[in-house]
Protein backbone atom coordinates (compact mmCIF):
# COMPACT_ATOMS: atom_id res chain seq x y z
CA MET A 1 22.42 0.65 -4.70
CA ARG A 2 19.94 -0.83 -7.16
CA THR A 3 17.88 2.06 -8.45
CA GLY A 4 16.23 0.48 -11.47
CA ARG A 5 12.99 -0.35 -9.72
CA TRP A 6 12.94 3.07 -8.01
CA THR A 7 13.38 5.29 -11.06
CA SER A 8 9.65 6.06 -11.27
CA ASP A 9 9.39 6.89 -7.57
CA THR A 10 10.90 10.37 -7.74
CA ILE A 11 10.09 13.70 -6.13
CA GLY A 12 8.70 14.92 -9.46
CA ARG A 13 6.36 11.93 -9.59
CA TRP A 14 5.32 12.56 -5.97
CA PHE A 15 4.52 16.16 -6.82
CA ALA A 16 2.49 15.15 -9.88
CA ILE A 17 0.51 12.51 -7.98
CA ASN A 18 -0.15 14.82 -5.05
CA ILE A 19 -1.32 17.63 -7.31
CA VAL A 20 -3.70 15.30 -9.20
CA VAL A 21 -5.05 13.82 -5.97
CA ALA A 22 -5.42 17.29 -4.46
CA VAL A 23 -7.39 18.51 -7.48
CA ILE A 24 -9.66 15.44 -7.39
CA ILE A 25 -10.30 15.78 -3.65
CA ALA A 26 -10.97 19.51 -3.94
CA ALA A 27 -13.39 18.93 -6.83
CA ALA A 28 -15.17 16.16 -4.91
CA MET A 29 -15.49 18.35 -1.82
CA ASN A 30 -16.86 21.21 -3.90
CA ALA A 31 -19.37 18.90 -5.58
CA ALA A 32 -20.45 17.56 -2.19
CA PHE A 33 -20.84 21.11 -0.90
CA SER A 34 -22.90 22.12 -3.92
CA ALA A 35 -25.19 19.14 -3.44
CA PHE A 36 -25.52 19.84 0.27
CA ALA A 37 -25.99 23.56 -0.23
CA GLY A 38 -28.63 22.86 -2.85
CA VAL A 39 -30.69 21.14 -0.18
CA TRP A 40 -29.78 23.40 2.73
CA ALA A 41 -29.80 26.81 1.10
CA LYS A 42 -32.60 26.23 -1.45
CA PRO A 43 -35.78 25.96 0.65
CA GLY A 44 -38.99 24.36 -0.50
CA LEU A 45 -41.62 26.39 -2.29
CA GLN A 46 -43.92 26.29 0.71
CA ASP A 47 -41.15 27.54 3.03
CA ILE A 48 -40.59 30.77 1.10
CA GLY A 49 -44.30 31.70 0.82
CA LEU A 50 -44.50 31.26 -2.95
CA VAL A 51 -47.44 28.82 -2.77
CA ASP A 52 -49.53 31.33 -0.83
CA GLU A 53 -48.57 34.08 -3.27
CA VAL A 54 -49.48 32.21 -6.47
CA ALA A 55 -52.71 30.95 -4.89
CA ALA A 56 -53.69 34.55 -4.13
CA VAL A 57 -52.94 35.60 -7.72
CA ALA A 58 -54.98 32.64 -9.03
CA ARG A 59 -57.98 33.68 -6.91
CA ILE A 60 -57.75 37.24 -8.24
CA LEU A 61 -57.63 36.05 -11.86
CA ASP A 62 -60.47 33.57 -11.24
CA GLY A 63 -62.66 36.43 -10.07
CA ALA A 64 -61.75 38.78 -12.90
CA PRO A 65 -63.64 38.97 -16.24
CA ARG A 66 -62.35 36.45 -18.75
CA ASP A 67 -61.33 39.05 -21.32
CA ALA A 68 -59.27 40.93 -18.72
CA ARG A 69 -57.33 38.01 -17.38
CA ALA A 70 -54.47 38.08 -19.91
CA GLY A 71 -53.67 41.70 -19.19
CA LEU A 72 -54.10 41.26 -15.46
CA ALA A 73 -51.73 38.26 -15.48
CA ALA A 74 -49.09 40.29 -17.30
CA SER A 75 -49.46 43.15 -14.84
CA VAL A 76 -48.77 40.95 -11.79
CA SER A 77 -45.59 39.49 -13.26
CA ASN A 78 -42.40 40.47 -11.37
CA ASP A 79 -38.69 39.69 -11.27
CA ARG A 80 -39.33 36.43 -9.44
CA TYR A 81 -41.79 34.86 -11.90
CA ALA A 82 -43.77 35.59 -15.05
CA VAL A 83 -47.59 35.05 -15.08
CA THR A 84 -49.47 33.99 -18.22
CA TRP A 85 -53.14 33.17 -18.70
CA PHE A 86 -54.26 30.40 -21.08
CA PRO A 87 -57.95 30.03 -22.08
CA ASN A 88 -58.08 26.18 -22.24
CA ASP A 89 -56.14 22.91 -21.95
CA ALA A 90 -55.07 22.91 -25.57
CA SER A 91 -53.33 26.26 -25.28
CA LEU A 92 -51.32 25.25 -22.20
CA PRO A 93 -47.78 24.36 -23.49
CA ILE A 94 -46.99 21.76 -20.82
CA ALA A 95 -47.96 18.17 -20.06
CA ILE A 96 -50.92 18.42 -17.72
CA ASP A 97 -50.49 14.96 -16.20
CA ALA A 98 -46.76 15.31 -15.38
CA SER A 99 -46.41 16.47 -11.79
CA GLU A 100 -45.09 15.31 -8.43
CA PHE A 101 -46.02 18.45 -6.52
CA HIS A 102 -48.22 16.56 -4.03
CA GLN A 103 -47.94 18.60 -0.84
CA GLY A 104 -48.01 21.90 -2.69
CA ARG A 105 -51.01 20.80 -4.74
CA ALA A 106 -53.01 20.02 -1.61
CA LYS A 107 -52.17 23.37 -0.08
CA ILE A 108 -53.09 25.29 -3.25
CA ARG A 109 -56.42 23.48 -3.46
CA SER A 110 -57.06 24.35 0.17
CA LEU A 111 -56.19 28.02 -0.38
CA LEU A 112 -58.38 28.16 -3.51
CA GLY A 113 -61.25 26.40 -1.79
CA ARG A 114 -61.58 24.02 -4.75
CA PRO A 115 -60.59 20.44 -3.83
CA SER A 116 -60.75 19.31 -7.44
CA ALA A 117 -58.60 22.10 -8.88
CA ARG A 118 -55.89 20.85 -11.18
CA VAL A 119 -52.31 21.84 -10.31
CA VAL A 120 -49.29 21.06 -12.49
CA ALA A 121 -45.64 21.69 -11.48
CA TYR A 122 -42.40 21.07 -13.37
CA GLU A 123 -38.71 21.92 -13.14
CA PRO A 124 -35.72 22.08 -15.50
CA GLY A 125 -35.18 18.74 -17.17
CA ASP A 126 -38.81 17.60 -17.16
CA PRO A 127 -40.13 16.87 -20.69
CA ASP A 128 -42.50 19.37 -22.31
CA LEU A 129 -45.29 18.55 -24.76
CA HIS A 130 -42.76 17.88 -27.49
CA GLY A 131 -40.45 15.75 -25.36
CA ARG A 132 -37.82 18.45 -24.99
CA PRO A 133 -36.51 19.22 -21.48
CA GLU A 134 -37.92 22.20 -19.69
CA THR A 135 -35.48 25.03 -18.95
CA ALA A 136 -37.26 26.77 -16.07
CA TYR A 137 -39.40 26.14 -13.02
CA GLY A 138 -43.13 26.31 -13.65
CA LEU A 139 -46.47 25.97 -11.85
CA ALA A 140 -49.88 25.94 -13.62
CA ILE A 141 -53.25 26.22 -11.80
CA SER A 142 -56.62 25.63 -13.42
CA LEU A 143 -59.30 28.22 -12.76
CA SER A 144 -62.98 27.48 -12.18
CA ASP A 145 -63.84 27.88 -15.91
CA ARG A 146 -61.06 25.36 -16.87
CA SER A 147 -58.72 28.08 -18.09
CA TRP A 148 -55.16 28.13 -16.78
CA VAL A 149 -52.78 30.53 -15.15
CA ARG A 150 -49.09 29.62 -15.35
CA PHE A 151 -46.22 30.92 -13.21
CA VAL A 152 -42.74 30.55 -14.70
CA ALA A 153 -39.54 31.28 -12.70
CA PRO A 154 -36.08 31.17 -14.36
CA GLN A 155 -34.55 29.73 -11.17
CA ARG A 156 -35.49 28.59 -7.72
CA SER A 157 -34.93 30.92 -4.81
CA TRP A 158 -32.09 29.93 -2.52
CA GLY A 159 -33.18 32.10 0.32
CA LEU A 160 -29.87 33.99 -0.16
CA SER A 161 -28.88 36.81 -2.44
CA PRO A 162 -26.76 35.85 -5.47
CA THR A 163 -23.79 37.77 -4.00
CA ALA A 164 -23.98 35.97 -0.66
CA ARG A 165 -24.41 32.62 -2.40
CA THR A 166 -21.38 33.26 -4.63
CA LEU A 167 -19.22 34.37 -1.71
CA LEU A 168 -20.24 31.28 0.27
CA THR A 169 -19.39 28.95 -2.58
CA VAL A 170 -16.06 30.66 -3.36
CA GLY A 171 -15.14 30.72 0.33
CA PHE A 172 -15.75 27.01 0.67
CA ALA A 173 -13.75 26.32 -2.49
CA VAL A 174 -10.81 28.33 -1.13
CA VAL A 175 -10.96 26.55 2.24
CA CYS A 176 -11.01 23.16 0.48
CA ALA A 177 -8.07 24.13 -1.71
CA LEU A 178 -6.02 25.35 1.26
CA LEU A 179 -6.82 22.25 3.31
CA VAL A 180 -5.91 19.86 0.52
CA ALA A 181 -2.78 21.87 -0.32
CA ALA A 182 -1.68 21.77 3.34
CA LEU A 183 -2.16 18.00 3.52
CA ALA A 184 -0.38 17.41 0.21
CA SER A 185 2.56 19.68 1.08
CA ARG A 186 2.83 18.02 4.49
CA ARG A 187 3.10 14.62 2.85
CA LEU A 188 5.75 15.91 0.45
CA ALA A 189 7.74 17.67 3.18
CA ARG A 190 7.72 14.76 5.66
CA PRO A 191 10.74 12.91 4.13
CA LEU A 192 12.76 16.15 4.08
CA GLU A 193 11.82 16.86 7.70
CA ARG A 194 12.98 13.37 8.73
CA PHE A 195 16.24 13.97 6.88
CA ALA A 196 16.78 17.32 8.61
CA ARG A 197 16.00 15.88 12.08
CA GLN A 198 18.43 13.02 11.52
CA ALA A 199 21.14 15.44 10.41
CA GLN A 200 20.57 17.56 13.53
CA ARG A 201 20.66 14.45 15.71
CA PHE A 202 23.94 13.33 14.17
CA GLY A 203 25.34 16.83 14.75
CA ALA A 204 24.60 16.41 18.46
CA ASP A 205 25.42 12.70 18.77
CA VAL A 206 28.09 11.11 16.61
CA ASN A 207 26.82 7.65 17.64
CA ALA A 208 23.28 8.29 16.38
CA PRO A 209 21.71 5.35 14.48
CA PRO A 210 21.71 5.48 10.66
CA MET A 211 18.91 7.17 8.76
CA GLN A 212 16.05 5.12 7.31
CA THR A 213 16.15 5.09 3.51
CA THR A 214 12.49 5.80 2.84
CA GLY A 215 10.66 8.27 0.64
CA PRO A 216 11.25 9.30 -2.99
CA LEU A 217 14.29 8.19 -4.92
CA GLU A 218 16.24 11.41 -4.38
CA ILE A 219 15.66 11.30 -0.61
CA ARG A 220 16.72 7.65 -0.44
CA LEU A 221 19.91 8.38 -2.37
CA ALA A 222 20.67 11.33 -0.08
CA ALA A 223 19.92 9.20 3.00
CA GLN A 224 22.25 6.46 1.82
CA ALA A 225 25.02 9.00 1.14
CA PHE A 226 24.42 10.51 4.58
CA ASN A 227 24.63 7.06 6.24
CA GLU A 228 27.89 6.35 4.43
CA MET A 229 29.30 9.70 5.59
CA GLN A 230 28.11 9.01 9.15
CA ALA A 231 29.77 5.60 9.13
CA ARG A 232 33.06 7.15 7.95
CA VAL A 233 32.90 9.77 10.70
CA GLN A 234 32.21 7.10 13.33
CA ARG A 235 35.13 5.03 12.07
CA TYR A 236 37.32 8.13 12.19
CA VAL A 237 36.30 8.85 15.79
CA ALA A 238 36.92 5.23 16.80
CA ASP A 239 40.32 5.24 15.11
CA ARG A 240 41.23 8.53 16.79
CA THR A 241 40.29 7.11 20.20
CA THR A 242 42.53 4.11 19.57
CA MET A 243 45.34 6.40 18.47
CA LEU A 244 44.97 8.56 21.57
CA ALA A 245 45.15 5.51 23.80
CA ALA A 246 48.40 4.55 22.08
CA ILE A 247 49.75 8.10 22.49
CA SER A 248 48.84 7.99 26.17
CA HIS A 249 50.86 4.85 26.64
CA ASP A 250 53.81 5.95 24.53
CA LEU A 251 54.15 9.40 26.13
CA ARG A 252 53.84 8.36 29.73
CA ALA A 253 56.67 5.83 29.49
CA PRO A 254 59.41 8.33 28.50
CA LEU A 255 58.12 10.86 31.02
CA THR A 256 58.44 8.24 33.74
CA ARG A 257 61.98 7.43 32.59
CA MET A 258 62.88 11.14 32.63
CA ARG A 259 61.69 11.40 36.22
CA LEU A 260 63.69 8.32 37.24
CA ARG A 261 66.83 9.64 35.59
CA GLY A 262 66.31 13.02 37.20
CA GLU A 263 66.72 11.36 40.58
CA PHE A 264 70.41 10.88 39.77
CA ILE A 265 71.04 14.58 39.04
CA GLU A 266 73.13 16.02 41.86
CA ASP A 267 72.41 19.66 41.12
CA GLU A 268 69.18 20.29 43.08
CA GLU A 269 68.29 23.40 41.08
CA GLN A 270 68.55 21.56 37.76
CA GLN A 271 66.71 18.60 39.23
CA ARG A 272 63.88 20.87 40.41
CA LYS A 273 63.59 22.50 36.98
CA LEU A 274 63.55 19.11 35.26
CA PHE A 275 60.85 17.75 37.57
CA ARG A 276 58.80 20.93 37.01
CA ASP A 277 59.03 20.47 33.23
CA VAL A 278 58.15 16.77 33.54
CA ASP A 279 55.15 17.57 35.74
CA GLU A 280 53.98 20.23 33.29
CA MET A 281 54.34 17.87 30.34
CA GLN A 282 52.49 15.16 32.28
CA ALA A 283 49.68 17.59 33.08
CA MET A 284 49.44 18.67 29.45
CA VAL A 285 49.34 15.06 28.25
CA ASP A 286 46.67 14.12 30.78
CA ALA A 287 44.56 17.18 30.01
CA SER A 288 44.91 16.67 26.26
CA LEU A 289 43.91 13.02 26.44
CA GLU A 290 40.96 13.83 28.66
CA PHE A 291 39.85 16.58 26.28
CA PHE A 292 40.01 14.42 23.16
CA ARG A 293 38.48 11.44 24.95
CA ASP A 294 35.52 13.52 26.14
CA ASP A 295 35.14 14.95 22.63
CA SER A 296 34.99 11.50 21.03
CA GLU A 297 33.26 9.27 23.56
CA GLN A 298 29.65 10.43 23.53
CA GLU A 299 27.49 9.30 26.40
CA PRO A 300 23.84 8.47 25.58
CA THR A 301 21.27 11.23 25.82
CA THR A 302 18.67 11.11 28.58
CA ARG A 303 16.08 13.34 30.22
CA PHE A 304 17.28 14.93 33.44
CA MET A 305 16.76 17.97 35.66
CA LEU A 306 19.25 20.55 34.44
CA SER A 307 18.51 22.88 37.36
CA GLU A 308 19.35 20.14 39.88
CA LEU A 309 22.54 19.24 37.99
CA ILE A 310 23.79 22.85 38.20
CA GLU A 311 22.80 23.06 41.86
CA THR A 312 24.82 19.92 42.59
CA VAL A 313 27.89 21.40 40.87
CA LEU A 314 27.55 24.60 42.86
CA ASP A 315 27.16 22.66 46.13
CA ASP A 316 30.58 21.11 45.52
CA PHE A 317 32.10 24.57 45.16
CA ARG A 318 30.28 25.82 48.27
CA ASP A 319 31.69 22.88 50.23
CA ALA A 320 35.15 23.97 49.07
CA GLY A 321 34.52 27.45 50.50
CA HIS A 322 33.89 29.33 47.24
CA ASP A 323 31.35 32.14 46.88
CA VAL A 324 28.77 30.94 44.32
CA ALA A 325 25.12 31.84 43.74
CA PHE A 326 22.39 30.29 41.63
CA ASP A 327 19.32 31.95 40.16
CA THR A 328 16.70 29.72 38.51
CA PRO A 329 12.95 30.13 37.91
CA GLY A 330 12.34 26.58 39.15
CA SER A 331 12.83 23.04 37.93
CA VAL A 332 14.08 22.92 34.33
CA THR A 333 14.07 19.61 32.45
CA TYR A 334 16.44 18.95 29.57
CA VAL A 335 17.28 16.09 27.22
CA GLY A 336 21.02 15.71 26.71
CA ARG A 337 24.18 14.17 28.12
CA PRO A 338 24.27 15.02 31.83
CA LEU A 339 27.89 14.07 32.60
CA THR A 340 29.18 16.12 29.66
CA LEU A 341 27.14 19.16 30.70
CA ARG A 342 28.16 18.70 34.33
CA ARG A 343 31.85 18.89 33.38
CA ALA A 344 31.16 21.94 31.19
CA VAL A 345 29.34 23.82 33.97
CA ALA A 346 32.01 22.84 36.49
CA ASN A 347 34.69 24.21 34.15
CA LEU A 348 32.90 27.54 33.81
CA VAL A 349 32.26 27.91 37.54
CA ASP A 350 35.86 26.91 38.31
CA ASN A 351 37.14 29.62 35.95
CA ALA A 352 34.79 32.17 37.54
CA VAL A 353 35.88 31.52 41.12
CA LYS A 354 39.54 31.16 40.12
CA TYR A 355 39.84 34.36 38.09
CA GLY A 356 36.84 36.39 39.28
CA ALA A 357 36.57 35.66 43.04
CA ARG A 358 32.92 34.52 42.84
CA ALA A 359 30.45 32.97 40.42
CA HIS A 360 26.83 33.91 39.82
CA VAL A 361 24.97 31.34 37.69
CA ARG A 362 21.60 32.09 36.09
CA LEU A 363 19.37 29.55 34.35
CA ARG A 364 16.84 31.03 31.92
CA PRO A 365 14.54 28.71 29.92
CA GLY A 366 13.14 30.46 26.82
CA ASP A 367 11.21 29.73 23.66
CA GLY A 368 12.99 26.65 22.33
CA TRP A 369 16.26 27.54 24.09
CA ILE A 370 17.83 27.36 27.54
CA ASP A 371 20.29 30.08 28.54
CA ILE A 372 22.96 29.52 31.18
CA LEU A 373 24.74 32.70 32.29
CA VAL A 374 27.90 32.54 34.43
CA ASP A 375 29.11 35.94 35.74
CA ASP A 376 32.23 36.67 37.73
CA GLU A 377 33.83 39.79 39.21
CA GLY A 378 37.28 39.41 37.71
CA PRO A 379 39.18 41.50 35.17
CA GLY A 380 37.31 39.92 32.28
CA ILE A 381 38.74 39.11 28.87
CA PRO A 382 39.48 41.76 26.23
CA GLU A 383 37.05 41.66 23.35
CA ALA A 384 39.83 40.99 20.85
CA LEU A 385 40.76 37.77 22.68
CA ARG A 386 37.28 36.38 23.34
CA GLU A 387 37.42 34.05 20.38
CA ALA A 388 41.06 33.09 20.74
CA VAL A 389 40.59 31.71 24.27
CA PHE A 390 38.50 28.89 22.84
CA ARG A 391 41.47 27.54 20.92
CA PRO A 392 43.12 24.52 22.57
CA PHE A 393 46.23 25.37 24.66
CA TYR A 394 45.67 29.12 24.31
CA ARG A 395 46.29 31.02 27.57
CA ILE A 396 46.17 34.72 28.31
CA GLU A 397 49.31 35.98 29.92
CA GLY A 398 49.00 37.80 33.25
CA SER A 399 46.35 36.75 35.71
CA ARG A 400 45.40 33.70 33.67
CA ASN A 401 48.86 32.21 33.36
CA ARG A 402 50.29 28.76 33.77
CA GLN A 403 50.97 29.19 37.49
CA THR A 404 47.27 29.70 38.25
CA GLY A 405 46.51 26.23 36.90
CA GLY A 406 45.28 24.73 33.67
CA VAL A 407 46.81 24.18 30.27
CA GLY A 408 44.34 26.15 28.16
CA LEU A 409 41.80 23.44 27.37
CA GLY A 410 38.94 24.38 29.72
CA LEU A 411 36.98 26.70 27.45
CA ALA A 412 37.76 24.55 24.41
CA ALA A 413 36.25 21.54 26.20
CA VAL A 414 33.20 23.59 27.22
CA ARG A 415 32.59 24.78 23.65
CA SER A 416 32.97 21.24 22.35
CA ALA A 417 30.40 19.97 24.87
CA VAL A 418 27.94 22.78 24.18
CA ARG A 419 28.19 22.55 20.40
CA GLY A 420 27.85 18.79 20.71
CA HIS A 421 24.34 19.53 22.05
CA GLY A 422 23.57 21.82 19.11
CA GLY A 423 24.15 25.01 21.13
CA ASP A 424 26.88 27.63 21.36
CA ILE A 425 28.84 29.68 23.87
CA VAL A 426 29.88 33.34 23.73
CA LEU A 427 31.79 35.64 26.05
CA ASP A 428 30.62 39.11 27.04
CA THR A 429 31.07 41.73 29.73
CA ALA A 430 29.02 41.16 32.88
CA PRO A 431 26.85 44.01 34.18
CA GLY A 432 29.18 44.35 37.17
CA GLY A 433 32.27 44.63 34.99
CA GLY A 434 33.55 41.04 35.10
CA LEU A 435 33.25 38.29 32.51
CA ARG A 436 29.90 36.84 31.43
CA VAL A 437 29.82 33.42 29.81
CA HIS A 438 26.57 32.86 27.88
CA VAL A 439 25.73 29.24 27.08
CA LYS A 440 22.76 28.72 24.76
CA LEU A 441 21.32 25.19 24.57
CA PRO A 442 18.41 24.15 22.34
CA TYR A 443 15.60 22.00 23.61
CA VAL A 444 16.23 18.50 22.34
CA ALA A 445 13.31 16.14 21.62
CA ASP A 446 13.30 12.67 23.09
CA ALA A 447 15.07 10.20 20.91
């Protein structure tokens, strides 16, 4: 693999870029919110009743004696604005001709009843008489004797309390940070999620296609190593299938010769024993080859009705005169290999009717899983042997012996099929005292 041109495209670089982009987006969203909130939450002066209030104060001062106006102005000051009276234009410390308060000016003139009254408004940043920027909001109104009354507010009213405004701003900042963090982490986690899904798919299907080598450098290197491992496993499975085909051919020939030579044995008892051994060896060879062939030759996955598949299996047993029952909540759809699961269910039901007289199958779809329960009414399996029976060729002496059929590969084949779908199988005691086989299959997404 040529990694020289990829060395800068690493997970660390992805993290750094995503963090920087997340910070920039969060800052931009906060700035946009502040600008929007400044318009939405900070109402106009006329909307909060301030124009009416200052006009009323100006009328009171205009009607008061001139020498009492300064003290009266100071007395009406409050925490919202400070009021100051100035005797003439020269004493007013603001530029009289600098104002864009058109609508408010007209309303103040109307409230004062003096259409020619001069009204000056300014805000932070507007130049004062000396060219320096103003630091507060101000409104000056000329009285009838050409004196002035000025209202100065340190800040505009937002229509909200400072606590509510702070909580609103902090809440929006937190929401923005969480949203951006979720998007960034999702982008970073996506390559790892693809890797995990592909690994799960390969665990359930040895013939799954190779993984795409996309994402950061470390993910691409891991994907390439995974593809190489998958190719080796597939070659191993193919080679094993070829070897088993050769074994099948090589073993059947001497067994056939043994049977032919046994025809010339005059002792009928010895001949019967030989034929019995040959038949048993033939059955073991056939069962072994079928087991390994089923384990290696994976059929393609497809969507099918699992409930109907089980019902079809049970119908075959009913036709053969066996006592079987099926309990399902309705139609259950599954994505998997139907022929493989059909053989697995048939194996379990066959064991139940063979060793437990009857089979009761229950299908229970759950949250992300499908449970298949197969109960019988037989002697069950001791707890100490419930793991051993899954080993190939292992048989419990007694009721489950060689004369009852089978060579000890049934449960091993079932476990192989179930685990090939990403599930598992366990043995337990049925409520009625027999054996309960619990198959747990995960829901599998469409390929």
